[in-house]
Amino acid sequence: ALVRRALLAALPTLTAAQLDDIVASARRGSGTIQLGSRATVHI
């Protein structure tokens, strides 16, 4: 719940699927999630 809240505070339009992708990539220790044309999350 805290992780979701922190990510959504920075990116309010994140979908549930994008949140799941970010968390899964963080567990792996690497990854890039493109959020539309104006934001990218790098792990």
PDB file of all heavy atoms in Angstrom:
ATOM      1  N   ALA A   1       0.832  -1.206   0.000  1.00  0.00           N
ATOM      2  CA  ALA A   1       0.000   0.000   0.000  1.00  0.00           C
ATOM      3  C   ALA A   1       0.866   1.256   0.000  1.00  0.00           C
ATOM      4  O   ALA A   1       0.565   2.241  -0.692  1.00  0.00           O
ATOM      5  CB  ALA A   1      -0.930   0.006   1.212  1.00  0.00           C
ATOM      6  N   LEU A   2       1.968   1.241   0.767  1.00  0.00           N
ATOM      7  CA  LEU A   2       2.852   2.405   0.820  1.00  0.00           C
ATOM      8  C   LEU A   2       3.598   2.584  -0.498  1.00  0.00           C
ATOM      9  O   LEU A   2       3.784   3.707  -0.964  1.00  0.00           O
ATOM     10  CB  LEU A   2       3.842   2.265   1.972  1.00  0.00           C
ATOM     11  CG  LEU A   2       3.267   2.296   3.385  1.00  0.00           C
ATOM     12  CD1 LEU A   2       4.380   2.161   4.412  1.00  0.00           C
ATOM     13  CD2 LEU A   2       2.488   3.580   3.622  1.00  0.00           C
ATOM     14  N   VAL A   3       4.027   1.481  -1.087  1.00  0.00           N
ATOM     15  CA  VAL A   3       4.734   1.558  -2.370  1.00  0.00           C
ATOM     16  C   VAL A   3       3.818   2.151  -3.436  1.00  0.00           C
ATOM     17  O   VAL A   3       4.204   3.062  -4.180  1.00  0.00           O
ATOM     18  CB  VAL A   3       5.240   0.171  -2.795  1.00  0.00           C
ATOM     19  CG1 VAL A   3       5.753   0.208  -4.239  1.00  0.00           C
ATOM     20  CG2 VAL A   3       6.334  -0.308  -1.850  1.00  0.00           C
ATOM     21  N   ARG A   4       2.588   1.635  -3.506  1.00  0.00           N
ATOM     22  CA  ARG A   4       1.643   2.167  -4.494  1.00  0.00           C
ATOM     23  C   ARG A   4       1.411   3.658  -4.277  1.00  0.00           C
ATOM     24  O   ARG A   4       1.376   4.442  -5.216  1.00  0.00           O
ATOM     25  CB  ARG A   4       0.304   1.420  -4.409  1.00  0.00           C
ATOM     26  CG  ARG A   4       0.305   0.036  -5.029  1.00  0.00           C
ATOM     27  CD  ARG A   4      -1.106  -0.465  -5.246  1.00  0.00           C
ATOM     28  NE  ARG A   4      -1.857  -0.529  -3.999  1.00  0.00           N
ATOM     29  CZ  ARG A   4      -1.898  -1.587  -3.198  1.00  0.00           C
ATOM     30  NH1 ARG A   4      -1.207  -2.676  -3.533  1.00  0.00           N
ATOM     31  NH2 ARG A   4      -2.598  -1.575  -2.085  1.00  0.00           N
ATOM     32  N   ARG A   5       1.250   4.049  -3.013  1.00  0.00           N
ATOM     33  CA  ARG A   5       0.963   5.455  -2.705  1.00  0.00           C
ATOM     34  C   ARG A   5       2.141   6.342  -3.114  1.00  0.00           C
ATOM     35  O   ARG A   5       1.959   7.430  -3.661  1.00  0.00           O
ATOM     36  CB  ARG A   5       0.683   5.613  -1.210  1.00  0.00           C
ATOM     37  CG  ARG A   5       0.295   7.021  -0.793  1.00  0.00           C
ATOM     38  CD  ARG A   5      -1.072   7.387  -1.368  1.00  0.00           C
ATOM     39  NE  ARG A   5      -1.447   8.753  -1.017  1.00  0.00           N
ATOM     40  CZ  ARG A   5      -1.104   9.831  -1.703  1.00  0.00           C
ATOM     41  NH1 ARG A   5      -0.364   9.706  -2.790  1.00  0.00           N
ATOM     42  NH2 ARG A   5      -1.496  11.025  -1.328  1.00  0.00           N
ATOM     43  N   ALA A   6       3.364   5.879  -2.877  1.00  0.00           N
ATOM     44  CA  ALA A   6       4.540   6.671  -3.231  1.00  0.00           C
ATOM     45  C   ALA A   6       4.665   6.827  -4.745  1.00  0.00           C
ATOM     46  O   ALA A   6       4.955   7.917  -5.251  1.00  0.00           O
ATOM     47  CB  ALA A   6       5.796   6.019  -2.659  1.00  0.00           C
ATOM     48  N   LEU A   7       4.445   5.740  -5.475  1.00  0.00           N
ATOM     49  CA  LEU A   7       4.546   5.808  -6.933  1.00  0.00           C
ATOM     50  C   LEU A   7       3.442   6.685  -7.527  1.00  0.00           C
ATOM     51  O   LEU A   7       3.676   7.478  -8.437  1.00  0.00           O
ATOM     52  CB  LEU A   7       4.480   4.400  -7.529  1.00  0.00           C
ATOM     53  CG  LEU A   7       5.650   3.471  -7.182  1.00  0.00           C
ATOM     54  CD1 LEU A   7       5.402   2.075  -7.740  1.00  0.00           C
ATOM     55  CD2 LEU A   7       6.967   4.014  -7.704  1.00  0.00           C
ATOM     56  N   LEU A   8       2.230   6.537  -6.990  1.00  0.00           N
ATOM     57  CA  LEU A   8       1.114   7.322  -7.510  1.00  0.00           C
ATOM     58  C   LEU A   8       1.234   8.806  -7.164  1.00  0.00           C
ATOM     59  O   LEU A   8       0.721   9.656  -7.875  1.00  0.00           O
ATOM     60  CB  LEU A   8      -0.209   6.766  -6.978  1.00  0.00           C
ATOM     61  CG  LEU A   8      -0.664   5.458  -7.630  1.00  0.00           C
ATOM     62  CD1 LEU A   8      -1.768   4.807  -6.800  1.00  0.00           C
ATOM     63  CD2 LEU A   8      -1.141   5.703  -9.054  1.00  0.00           C
ATOM     64  N   ALA A   9       1.912   9.107  -6.058  1.00  0.00           N
ATOM     65  CA  ALA A   9       2.123  10.513  -5.711  1.00  0.00           C
ATOM     66  C   ALA A   9       2.952  11.206  -6.785  1.00  0.00           C
ATOM     67  O   ALA A   9       2.749  12.382  -7.097  1.00  0.00           O
ATOM     68  CB  ALA A   9       2.802  10.628  -4.353  1.00  0.00           C
ATOM     69  N   ALA A  10       3.900  10.470  -7.360  1.00  0.00           N
ATOM     70  CA  ALA A  10       4.746  11.036  -8.416  1.00  0.00           C
ATOM     71  C   ALA A  10       4.103  10.897  -9.786  1.00  0.00           C
ATOM     72  O   ALA A  10       4.304  11.740 -10.667  1.00  0.00           O
ATOM     73  CB  ALA A  10       6.113  10.343  -8.419  1.00  0.00           C
ATOM     74  N   LEU A  11       3.305   9.832  -9.969  1.00  0.00           N
ATOM     75  CA  LEU A  11       2.691   9.549 -11.267  1.00  0.00           C
ATOM     76  C   LEU A  11       1.219   9.200 -11.065  1.00  0.00           C
ATOM     77  O   LEU A  11       0.845   8.024 -11.052  1.00  0.00           O
ATOM     78  CB  LEU A  11       3.431   8.385 -11.950  1.00  0.00           C
ATOM     79  CG  LEU A  11       4.869   8.674 -12.372  1.00  0.00           C
ATOM     80  CD1 LEU A  11       5.625   7.371 -12.608  1.00  0.00           C
ATOM     81  CD2 LEU A  11       4.877   9.526 -13.639  1.00  0.00           C
ATOM     82  N   PRO A  12       0.353  10.191 -10.904  1.00  0.00           N
ATOM     83  CA  PRO A  12      -1.052   9.938 -10.560  1.00  0.00           C
ATOM     84  C   PRO A  12      -1.828   9.140 -11.599  1.00  0.00           C
ATOM     85  O   PRO A  12      -2.848   8.534 -11.273  1.00  0.00           O
ATOM     86  CB  PRO A  12      -1.641  11.353 -10.426  1.00  0.00           C
ATOM     87  CG  PRO A  12      -0.473  12.239 -10.193  1.00  0.00           C
ATOM     88  CD  PRO A  12       0.663  11.624 -10.935  1.00  0.00           C
ATOM     89  N   THR A  13      -1.360   9.101 -12.859  1.00  0.00           N
ATOM     90  CA  THR A  13      -2.120   8.411 -13.899  1.00  0.00           C
ATOM     91  C   THR A  13      -1.675   6.964 -14.102  1.00  0.00           C
ATOM     92  O   THR A  13      -2.134   6.303 -15.032  1.00  0.00           O
ATOM     93  CB  THR A  13      -2.001   9.153 -15.239  1.00  0.00           C
ATOM     94  OG1 THR A  13      -0.622   9.232 -15.633  1.00  0.00           O
ATOM     95  CG2 THR A  13      -2.566  10.559 -15.130  1.00  0.00           C
ATOM     96  N   LEU A  14      -0.780   6.465 -13.244  1.00  0.00           N
ATOM     97  CA  LEU A  14      -0.350   5.078 -13.369  1.00  0.00           C
ATOM     98  C   LEU A  14      -1.533   4.121 -13.304  1.00  0.00           C
ATOM     99  O   LEU A  14      -2.418   4.269 -12.465  1.00  0.00           O
ATOM    100  CB  LEU A  14       0.609   4.721 -12.233  1.00  0.00           C
ATOM    101  CG  LEU A  14       2.093   5.065 -12.370  1.00  0.00           C
ATOM    102  CD1 LEU A  14       2.829   4.645 -11.114  1.00  0.00           C
ATOM    103  CD2 LEU A  14       2.704   4.408 -13.593  1.00  0.00           C
ATOM    104  N   THR A  15      -1.552   3.140 -14.190  1.00  0.00           N
ATOM    105  CA  THR A  15      -2.564   2.089 -14.116  1.00  0.00           C
ATOM    106  C   THR A  15      -2.081   0.982 -13.183  1.00  0.00           C
ATOM    107  O   THR A  15      -0.888   0.903 -12.839  1.00  0.00           O
ATOM    108  CB  THR A  15      -2.842   1.489 -15.496  1.00  0.00           C
ATOM    109  OG1 THR A  15      -1.657   0.785 -15.947  1.00  0.00           O
ATOM    110  CG2 THR A  15      -3.214   2.568 -16.510  1.00  0.00           C
ATOM    111  N   ALA A  16      -2.997   0.114 -12.799  1.00  0.00           N
ATOM    112  CA  ALA A  16      -2.634  -1.010 -11.936  1.00  0.00           C
ATOM    113  C   ALA A  16      -1.590  -1.897 -12.618  1.00  0.00           C
ATOM    114  O   ALA A  16      -0.665  -2.407 -11.974  1.00  0.00           O
ATOM    115  CB  ALA A  16      -3.879  -1.816 -11.575  1.00  0.00           C
ATOM    116  N   ALA A  17      -1.738  -2.099 -13.940  1.00  0.00           N
ATOM    117  CA  ALA A  17      -0.786  -2.935 -14.674  1.00  0.00           C
ATOM    118  C   ALA A  17       0.609  -2.319 -14.665  1.00  0.00           C
ATOM    119  O   ALA A  17       1.621  -3.023 -14.511  1.00  0.00           O
ATOM    120  CB  ALA A  17      -1.269  -3.138 -16.108  1.00  0.00           C
ATOM    121  N   GLN A  18       0.701  -1.013 -14.839  1.00  0.00           N
ATOM    122  CA  GLN A  18       1.999  -0.342 -14.814  1.00  0.00           C
ATOM    123  C   GLN A  18       2.642  -0.417 -13.433  1.00  0.00           C
ATOM    124  O   GLN A  18       3.853  -0.622 -13.312  1.00  0.00           O
ATOM    125  CB  GLN A  18       1.838   1.109 -15.252  1.00  0.00           C
ATOM    126  CG  GLN A  18       1.513   1.266 -16.739  1.00  0.00           C
ATOM    127  CD  GLN A  18       1.093   2.672 -17.100  1.00  0.00           C
ATOM    128  OE1 GLN A  18       0.577   3.418 -16.257  1.00  0.00           O
ATOM    129  NE2 GLN A  18       1.289   3.047 -18.357  1.00  0.00           N
ATOM    130  N   LEU A  19       1.837  -0.261 -12.403  1.00  0.00           N
ATOM    131  CA  LEU A  19       2.352  -0.406 -11.038  1.00  0.00           C
ATOM    132  C   LEU A  19       2.932  -1.798 -10.832  1.00  0.00           C
ATOM    133  O   LEU A  19       4.025  -1.959 -10.274  1.00  0.00           O
ATOM    134  CB  LEU A  19       1.235  -0.149 -10.028  1.00  0.00           C
ATOM    135  CG  LEU A  19       0.896   1.314  -9.740  1.00  0.00           C
ATOM    136  CD1 LEU A  19      -0.444   1.405  -9.029  1.00  0.00           C
ATOM    137  CD2 LEU A  19       1.980   1.958  -8.896  1.00  0.00           C
ATOM    138  N   ASP A  20       2.205  -2.808 -11.276  1.00  0.00           N
ATOM    139  CA  ASP A  20       2.682  -4.188 -11.139  1.00  0.00           C
ATOM    140  C   ASP A  20       4.001  -4.387 -11.884  1.00  0.00           C
ATOM    141  O   ASP A  20       4.915  -5.074 -11.386  1.00  0.00           O
ATOM    142  CB  ASP A  20       1.635  -5.167 -11.675  1.00  0.00           C
ATOM    143  CG  ASP A  20       0.404  -5.264 -10.782  1.00  0.00           C
ATOM    144  OD1 ASP A  20       0.474  -4.811  -9.625  1.00  0.00           O
ATOM    145  OD2 ASP A  20      -0.623  -5.780 -11.254  1.00  0.00           O
ATOM    146  N   ASP A  21       4.122  -3.791 -13.082  1.00  0.00           N
ATOM    147  CA  ASP A  21       5.351  -3.920 -13.867  1.00  0.00           C
ATOM    148  C   ASP A  21       6.537  -3.290 -13.133  1.00  0.00           C
ATOM    149  O   ASP A  21       7.651  -3.839 -13.119  1.00  0.00           O
ATOM    150  CB  ASP A  21       5.190  -3.245 -15.234  1.00  0.00           C
ATOM    151  CG  ASP A  21       4.315  -4.048 -16.178  1.00  0.00           C
ATOM    152  OD1 ASP A  21       4.074  -5.237 -15.885  1.00  0.00           O
ATOM    153  OD2 ASP A  21       3.874  -3.485 -17.200  1.00  0.00           O
ATOM    154  N   ILE A  22       6.301  -2.128 -12.525  1.00  0.00           N
ATOM    155  CA  ILE A  22       7.381  -1.444 -11.816  1.00  0.00           C
ATOM    156  C   ILE A  22       7.839  -2.272 -10.620  1.00  0.00           C
ATOM    157  O   ILE A  22       9.047  -2.463 -10.385  1.00  0.00           O
ATOM    158  CB  ILE A  22       6.930  -0.045 -11.361  1.00  0.00           C
ATOM    159  CG1 ILE A  22       6.700   0.853 -12.582  1.00  0.00           C
ATOM    160  CG2 ILE A  22       7.968   0.582 -10.430  1.00  0.00           C
ATOM    161  CD1 ILE A  22       6.041   2.176 -12.261  1.00  0.00           C
ATOM    162  N   VAL A  23       6.884  -2.791  -9.857  1.00  0.00           N
ATOM    163  CA  VAL A  23       7.236  -3.600  -8.680  1.00  0.00           C
ATOM    164  C   VAL A  23       7.964  -4.870  -9.099  1.00  0.00           C
ATOM    165  O   VAL A  23       8.984  -5.245  -8.494  1.00  0.00           O
ATOM    166  CB  VAL A  23       5.967  -3.936  -7.874  1.00  0.00           C
ATOM    167  CG1 VAL A  23       6.282  -4.950  -6.772  1.00  0.00           C
ATOM    168  CG2 VAL A  23       5.365  -2.667  -7.262  1.00  0.00           C
ATOM    169  N   ALA A  24       7.488  -5.543 -10.153  1.00  0.00           N
ATOM    170  CA  ALA A  24       8.136  -6.780 -10.618  1.00  0.00           C
ATOM    171  C   ALA A  24       9.553  -6.499 -11.097  1.00  0.00           C
ATOM    172  O   ALA A  24      10.492  -7.273 -10.816  1.00  0.00           O
ATOM    173  CB  ALA A  24       7.302  -7.401 -11.735  1.00  0.00           C
ATOM    174  N   SER A  25       9.754  -5.375 -11.806  1.00  0.00           N
ATOM    175  CA  SER A  25      11.091  -5.024 -12.288  1.00  0.00           C
ATOM    176  C   SER A  25      12.016  -4.693 -11.130  1.00  0.00           C
ATOM    177  O   SER A  25      13.211  -5.020 -11.145  1.00  0.00           O
ATOM    178  CB  SER A  25      11.011  -3.835 -13.254  1.00  0.00           C
ATOM    179  OG  SER A  25      10.275  -4.172 -14.409  1.00  0.00           O
ATOM    180  N   ALA A  26      11.485  -4.033 -10.104  1.00  0.00           N
ATOM    181  CA  ALA A  26      12.302  -3.714  -8.923  1.00  0.00           C
ATOM    182  C   ALA A  26      12.755  -4.990  -8.227  1.00  0.00           C
ATOM    183  O   ALA A  26      13.889  -5.066  -7.724  1.00  0.00           O
ATOM    184  CB  ALA A  26      11.499  -2.836  -7.970  1.00  0.00           C
ATOM    185  N   ARG A  27      11.899  -5.980  -8.194  1.00  0.00           N
ATOM    186  CA  ARG A  27      12.289  -7.264  -7.577  1.00  0.00           C
ATOM    187  C   ARG A  27      13.391  -7.944  -8.373  1.00  0.00           C
ATOM    188  O   ARG A  27      14.283  -8.575  -7.808  1.00  0.00           O
ATOM    189  CB  ARG A  27      11.066  -8.179  -7.468  1.00  0.00           C
ATOM    190  CG  ARG A  27      10.080  -7.742  -6.393  1.00  0.00           C
ATOM    191  CD  ARG A  27       8.808  -8.562  -6.439  1.00  0.00           C
ATOM    192  NE  ARG A  27       7.863  -8.121  -5.422  1.00  0.00           N
ATOM    193  CZ  ARG A  27       6.581  -8.423  -5.394  1.00  0.00           C
ATOM    194  NH1 ARG A  27       6.067  -9.178  -6.368  1.00  0.00           N
ATOM    195  NH2 ARG A  27       5.810  -7.981  -4.426  1.00  0.00           N
ATOM    196  N   ARG A  28      13.329  -7.811  -9.713  1.00  0.00           N
ATOM    197  CA  ARG A  28      14.370  -8.401 -10.558  1.00  0.00           C
ATOM    198  C   ARG A  28      15.663  -7.600 -10.492  1.00  0.00           C
ATOM    199  O   ARG A  28      16.742  -8.112 -10.761  1.00  0.00           O
ATOM    200  CB  ARG A  28      13.901  -8.456 -12.020  1.00  0.00           C
ATOM    201  CG  ARG A  28      12.801  -9.459 -12.295  1.00  0.00           C
ATOM    202  CD  ARG A  28      12.661  -9.695 -13.801  1.00  0.00           C
ATOM    203  NE  ARG A  28      12.464  -8.446 -14.537  1.00  0.00           N
ATOM    204  CZ  ARG A  28      11.277  -7.928 -14.817  1.00  0.00           C
ATOM    205  NH1 ARG A  28      10.181  -8.539 -14.404  1.00  0.00           N
ATOM    206  NH2 ARG A  28      11.191  -6.802 -15.499  1.00  0.00           N
ATOM    207  N   GLY A  29      15.530  -6.301 -10.209  1.00  0.00           N
ATOM    208  CA  GLY A  29      16.699  -5.442 -10.156  1.00  0.00           C
ATOM    209  C   GLY A  29      17.021  -4.740 -11.442  1.00  0.00           C
ATOM    210  O   GLY A  29      18.033  -4.035 -11.533  1.00  0.00           O
ATOM    211  N   SER A  30      16.159  -4.871 -12.452  1.00  0.00           N
ATOM    212  CA  SER A  30      16.406  -4.180 -13.716  1.00  0.00           C
ATOM    213  C   SER A  30      15.100  -4.093 -14.509  1.00  0.00           C
ATOM    214  O   SER A  30      14.180  -4.893 -14.319  1.00  0.00           O
ATOM    215  CB  SER A  30      17.461  -4.900 -14.556  1.00  0.00           C
ATOM    216  OG  SER A  30      16.993  -6.180 -14.941  1.00  0.00           O
ATOM    217  N   GLY A  31      15.062  -3.113 -15.410  1.00  0.00           N
ATOM    218  CA  GLY A  31      13.891  -2.977 -16.271  1.00  0.00           C
ATOM    219  C   GLY A  31      13.638  -1.532 -16.635  1.00  0.00           C
ATOM    220  O   GLY A  31      14.133  -0.601 -15.987  1.00  0.00           O
ATOM    221  N   THR A  32      12.883  -1.340 -17.695  1.00  0.00           N
ATOM    222  CA  THR A  32      12.461  -0.016 -18.144  1.00  0.00           C
ATOM    223  C   THR A  32      10.985  -0.076 -18.495  1.00  0.00           C
ATOM    224  O   THR A  32      10.570  -0.940 -19.269  1.00  0.00           O
ATOM    225  CB  THR A  32      13.262   0.443 -19.375  1.00  0.00           C
ATOM    226  OG1 THR A  32      14.651   0.521 -19.029  1.00  0.00           O
ATOM    227  CG2 THR A  32      12.790   1.807 -19.854  1.00  0.00           C
ATOM    228  N   ILE A  33      10.203   0.829 -17.920  1.00  0.00           N
ATOM    229  CA  ILE A  33       8.762   0.888 -18.189  1.00  0.00           C
ATOM    230  C   ILE A  33       8.457   2.235 -18.794  1.00  0.00           C
ATOM    231  O   ILE A  33       8.665   3.274 -18.162  1.00  0.00           O
ATOM    232  CB  ILE A  33       7.931   0.662 -16.904  1.00  0.00           C
ATOM    233  CG1 ILE A  33       8.167  -0.734 -16.344  1.00  0.00           C
ATOM    234  CG2 ILE A  33       6.450   0.866 -17.186  1.00  0.00           C
ATOM    235  CD1 ILE A  33       9.266  -0.822 -15.340  1.00  0.00           C
ATOM    236  N   GLN A  34       7.993   2.204 -20.042  1.00  0.00           N
ATOM    237  CA  GLN A  34       7.616   3.428 -20.736  1.00  0.00           C
ATOM    238  C   GLN A  34       6.183   3.789 -20.370  1.00  0.00           C
ATOM    239  O   GLN A  34       5.264   2.986 -20.543  1.00  0.00           O
ATOM    240  CB  GLN A  34       7.738   3.239 -22.251  1.00  0.00           C
ATOM    241  CG  GLN A  34       7.549   4.518 -23.052  1.00  0.00           C
ATOM    242  CD  GLN A  34       8.711   5.486 -22.859  1.00  0.00           C
ATOM    243  OE1 GLN A  34       9.866   5.078 -22.843  1.00  0.00           O
ATOM    244  NE2 GLN A  34       8.387   6.763 -22.725  1.00  0.00           N
ATOM    245  N   LEU A  35       5.983   4.994 -19.858  1.00  0.00           N
ATOM    246  CA  LEU A  35       4.660   5.453 -19.446  1.00  0.00           C
ATOM    247  C   LEU A  35       4.179   6.519 -20.419  1.00  0.00           C
ATOM    248  O   LEU A  35       4.369   7.713 -20.207  1.00  0.00           O
ATOM    249  CB  LEU A  35       4.712   6.010 -18.019  1.00  0.00           C
ATOM    250  CG  LEU A  35       5.346   5.075 -16.973  1.00  0.00           C
ATOM    251  CD1 LEU A  35       5.477   5.787 -15.645  1.00  0.00           C
ATOM    252  CD2 LEU A  35       4.520   3.801 -16.838  1.00  0.00           C
ATOM    253  N   GLY A  36       3.605   6.076 -21.526  1.00  0.00           N
ATOM    254  CA  GLY A  36       3.199   7.011 -22.556  1.00  0.00           C
ATOM    255  C   GLY A  36       4.417   7.627 -23.217  1.00  0.00           C
ATOM    256  O   GLY A  36       5.487   7.015 -23.284  1.00  0.00           O
ATOM    257  N   SER A  37       4.276   8.853 -23.683  1.00  0.00           N
ATOM    258  CA  SER A  37       5.366   9.514 -24.410  1.00  0.00           C
ATOM    259  C   SER A  37       6.147  10.492 -23.544  1.00  0.00           C
ATOM    260  O   SER A  37       7.133  11.066 -24.001  1.00  0.00           O
ATOM    261  CB  SER A  37       4.800  10.259 -25.626  1.00  0.00           C
ATOM    262  OG  SER A  37       3.869  11.251 -25.204  1.00  0.00           O
ATOM    263  N   ARG A  38       5.724  10.664 -22.273  1.00  0.00           N
ATOM    264  CA  ARG A  38       6.328  11.741 -21.493  1.00  0.00           C
ATOM    265  C   ARG A  38       6.993  11.292 -20.203  1.00  0.00           C
ATOM    266  O   ARG A  38       7.507  12.114 -19.452  1.00  0.00           O
ATOM    267  CB  ARG A  38       5.261  12.798 -21.172  1.00  0.00           C
ATOM    268  CG  ARG A  38       4.559  13.327 -22.405  1.00  0.00           C
ATOM    269  CD  ARG A  38       3.755  14.567 -22.102  1.00  0.00           C
ATOM    270  NE  ARG A  38       4.614  15.680 -21.722  1.00  0.00           N
ATOM    271  CZ  ARG A  38       4.156  16.884 -21.414  1.00  0.00           C
ATOM    272  NH1 ARG A  38       2.863  17.116 -21.439  1.00  0.00           N
ATOM    273  NH2 ARG A  38       4.988  17.847 -21.066  1.00  0.00           N
ATOM    274  N   ALA A  39       7.005   9.999 -19.913  1.00  0.00           N
ATOM    275  CA  ALA A  39       7.634   9.540 -18.677  1.00  0.00           C
ATOM    276  C   ALA A  39       8.148   8.120 -18.839  1.00  0.00           C
ATOM    277  O   ALA A  39       7.548   7.294 -19.533  1.00  0.00           O
ATOM    278  CB  ALA A  39       6.644   9.615 -17.511  1.00  0.00           C
ATOM    279  N   THR A  40       9.277   7.864 -18.196  1.00  0.00           N
ATOM    280  CA  THR A  40       9.885   6.530 -18.221  1.00  0.00           C
ATOM    281  C   THR A  40      10.409   6.206 -16.826  1.00  0.00           C
ATOM    282  O   THR A  40      11.003   7.064 -16.165  1.00  0.00           O
ATOM    283  CB  THR A  40      11.064   6.473 -19.219  1.00  0.00           C
ATOM    284  OG1 THR A  40      10.621   6.921 -20.496  1.00  0.00           O
ATOM    285  CG2 THR A  40      11.598   5.055 -19.338  1.00  0.00           C
ATOM    286  N   VAL A  41      10.165   4.974 -16.388  1.00  0.00           N
ATOM    287  CA  VAL A  41      10.709   4.493 -15.118  1.00  0.00           C
ATOM    288  C   VAL A  41      11.840   3.522 -15.428  1.00  0.00           C
ATOM    289  O   VAL A  41      11.669   2.591 -16.216  1.00  0.00           O
ATOM    290  CB  VAL A  41       9.626   3.802 -14.267  1.00  0.00           C
ATOM    291  CG1 VAL A  41      10.243   3.157 -13.035  1.00  0.00           C
ATOM    292  CG2 VAL A  41       8.557   4.816 -13.856  1.00  0.00           C
ATOM    293  N   HIS A  42      13.016   3.761 -14.816  1.00  0.00           N
ATOM    294  CA  HIS A  42      14.186   2.896 -15.002  1.00  0.00           C
ATOM    295  C   HIS A  42      14.505   2.211 -13.676  1.00  0.00           C
ATOM    296  O   HIS A  42      14.534   2.863 -12.628  1.00  0.00           O
ATOM    297  CB  HIS A  42      15.411   3.706 -15.442  1.00  0.00           C
ATOM    298  CG  HIS A  42      15.235   4.412 -16.749  1.00  0.00           C
ATOM    299  ND1 HIS A  42      15.393   3.785 -17.960  1.00  0.00           N
ATOM    300  CD2 HIS A  42      14.924   5.712 -17.018  1.00  0.00           C
ATOM    301  CE1 HIS A  42      15.189   4.669 -18.932  1.00  0.00           C
ATOM    302  NE2 HIS A  42      14.900   5.834 -18.392  1.00  0.00           N
ATOM    303  N   ILE A  43      14.750   0.913 -13.739  1.00  0.00           N
ATOM    304  CA  ILE A  43      15.197   0.166 -12.561  1.00  0.00           C
ATOM    305  C   ILE A  43      16.581  -0.377 -12.876  1.00  0.00           C
ATOM    306  O   ILE A  43      16.773  -1.136 -13.830  1.00  0.00           O
ATOM    307  CB  ILE A  43      14.251  -0.999 -12.212  1.00  0.00           C
ATOM    308  CG1 ILE A  43      12.854  -0.465 -11.868  1.00  0.00           C
ATOM    309  CG2 ILE A  43      14.811  -1.798 -11.042  1.00  0.00           C
ATOM    310  CD1 ILE A  43      11.921  -0.398 -13.032  1.00  0.00           C
TER     311      ILE A  43
END
